[in-house]
Amino acid sequence: MPGGGRVRYEGLVLDIDDTLLRMGSEAVRPDELKAIQRLIAQGVVLVLATGRTRFMAQ
């Protein structure tokens, strides 16, 4: 970035299938959860994404 400034992100989209949630897991890893919580505390909007149908995601 010109001038050495920091980039401020307003939003973050995370894929949950085999990315945020590993295969066979029903929970986010503690270190990843802490990072997500820090971003939310900074005002970053979090959007969870999946390629699954609504029926499969429920």
C-alpha atoms as a PDB file:
ATOM      1  CA  MET A   1       0.000   0.000   0.000  1.00  0.00           C
ATOM      2  CA  PRO A   2       1.377   3.447  -0.881  1.00  0.00           C
ATOM      3  CA  GLY A   3       2.722   5.344   2.107  1.00  0.00           C
ATOM      4  CA  GLY A   4       3.097   2.196   4.221  1.00  0.00           C
ATOM      5  CA  GLY A   5      -0.449   2.460   5.587  1.00  0.00           C
ATOM      6  CA  ARG A   6      -2.450  -0.472   6.842  1.00  0.00           C
ATOM      7  CA  VAL A   7      -5.328  -1.982   4.905  1.00  0.00           C
ATOM      8  CA  ARG A   8      -8.632  -1.967   6.783  1.00  0.00           C
ATOM      9  CA  TYR A   9     -11.018  -4.716   5.844  1.00  0.00           C
ATOM     10  CA  GLU A  10     -14.735  -4.085   6.263  1.00  0.00           C
ATOM     11  CA  GLY A  11     -15.870  -7.643   5.617  1.00  0.00           C
ATOM     12  CA  LEU A  12     -14.623 -11.193   5.456  1.00  0.00           C
ATOM     13  CA  VAL A  13     -16.298 -14.134   3.710  1.00  0.00           C
ATOM     14  CA  LEU A  14     -15.288 -17.572   5.007  1.00  0.00           C
ATOM     15  CA  ASP A  15     -16.145 -20.874   3.376  1.00  0.00           C
ATOM     16  CA  ILE A  16     -17.196 -23.326   6.060  1.00  0.00           C
ATOM     17  CA  ASP A  17     -17.075 -26.651   4.207  1.00  0.00           C
ATOM     18  CA  ASP A  18     -13.684 -28.321   4.687  1.00  0.00           C
ATOM     19  CA  THR A  19     -12.099 -24.907   5.244  1.00  0.00           C
ATOM     20  CA  LEU A  20     -13.323 -23.349   8.468  1.00  0.00           C
ATOM     21  CA  LEU A  21     -14.859 -26.639   9.560  1.00  0.00           C
ATOM     22  CA  ARG A  22     -12.491 -29.501   8.822  1.00  0.00           C
ATOM     23  CA  MET A  23     -13.931 -32.732   7.473  1.00  0.00           C
ATOM     24  CA  GLY A  24     -15.519 -34.702  10.316  1.00  0.00           C
ATOM     25  CA  SER A  25     -15.377 -31.751  12.716  1.00  0.00           C
ATOM     26  CA  GLU A  26     -18.337 -29.842  14.076  1.00  0.00           C
ATOM     27  CA  ALA A  27     -16.310 -27.054  15.705  1.00  0.00           C
ATOM     28  CA  VAL A  28     -14.001 -24.256  14.632  1.00  0.00           C
ATOM     29  CA  ARG A  29     -10.405 -24.623  15.868  1.00  0.00           C
ATOM     30  CA  PRO A  30      -9.718 -22.475  18.970  1.00  0.00           C
ATOM     31  CA  ASP A  31      -6.985 -20.398  17.287  1.00  0.00           C
ATOM     32  CA  GLU A  32      -9.225 -19.674  14.310  1.00  0.00           C
ATOM     33  CA  LEU A  33     -12.121 -18.758  16.607  1.00  0.00           C
ATOM     34  CA  LYS A  34      -9.915 -16.267  18.482  1.00  0.00           C
ATOM     35  CA  ALA A  35      -8.835 -14.670  15.199  1.00  0.00           C
ATOM     36  CA  ILE A  36     -12.466 -14.379  14.071  1.00  0.00           C
ATOM     37  CA  GLN A  37     -13.455 -12.853  17.423  1.00  0.00           C
ATOM     38  CA  ARG A  38     -10.646 -10.273  17.110  1.00  0.00           C
ATOM     39  CA  LEU A  39     -11.851  -9.290  13.650  1.00  0.00           C
ATOM     40  CA  ILE A  40     -15.457  -8.950  14.815  1.00  0.00           C
ATOM     41  CA  ALA A  41     -14.294  -6.821  17.767  1.00  0.00           C
ATOM     42  CA  GLN A  42     -12.580  -4.529  15.228  1.00  0.00           C
ATOM     43  CA  GLY A  43     -15.876  -4.097  13.379  1.00  0.00           C
ATOM     44  CA  VAL A  44     -15.229  -6.498  10.502  1.00  0.00           C
ATOM     45  CA  VAL A  45     -18.448  -8.032   9.174  1.00  0.00           C
ATOM     46  CA  LEU A  46     -18.235 -11.819   8.989  1.00  0.00           C
ATOM     47  CA  VAL A  47     -20.151 -13.748   6.322  1.00  0.00           C
ATOM     48  CA  LEU A  48     -20.189 -17.550   6.307  1.00  0.00           C
ATOM     49  CA  ALA A  49     -20.467 -19.195   2.891  1.00  0.00           C
ATOM     50  CA  THR A  50     -21.204 -22.709   1.711  1.00  0.00           C
ATOM     51  CA  GLY A  51     -21.724 -24.407  -1.613  1.00  0.00           C
ATOM     52  CA  ARG A  52     -24.339 -26.648  -0.052  1.00  0.00           C
ATOM     53  CA  THR A  53     -28.054 -26.277  -0.608  1.00  0.00           C
ATOM     54  CA  ARG A  54     -30.122 -24.785   2.177  1.00  0.00           C
ATOM     55  CA  PHE A  55     -31.493 -28.261   2.983  1.00  0.00           C
ATOM     56  CA  MET A  56     -28.000 -29.800   3.277  1.00  0.00           C
ATOM     57  CA  ALA A  57     -26.673 -26.903   5.389  1.00  0.00           C
ATOM     58  CA  GLN A  58     -29.324 -27.206   8.106  1.00  0.00           C
END
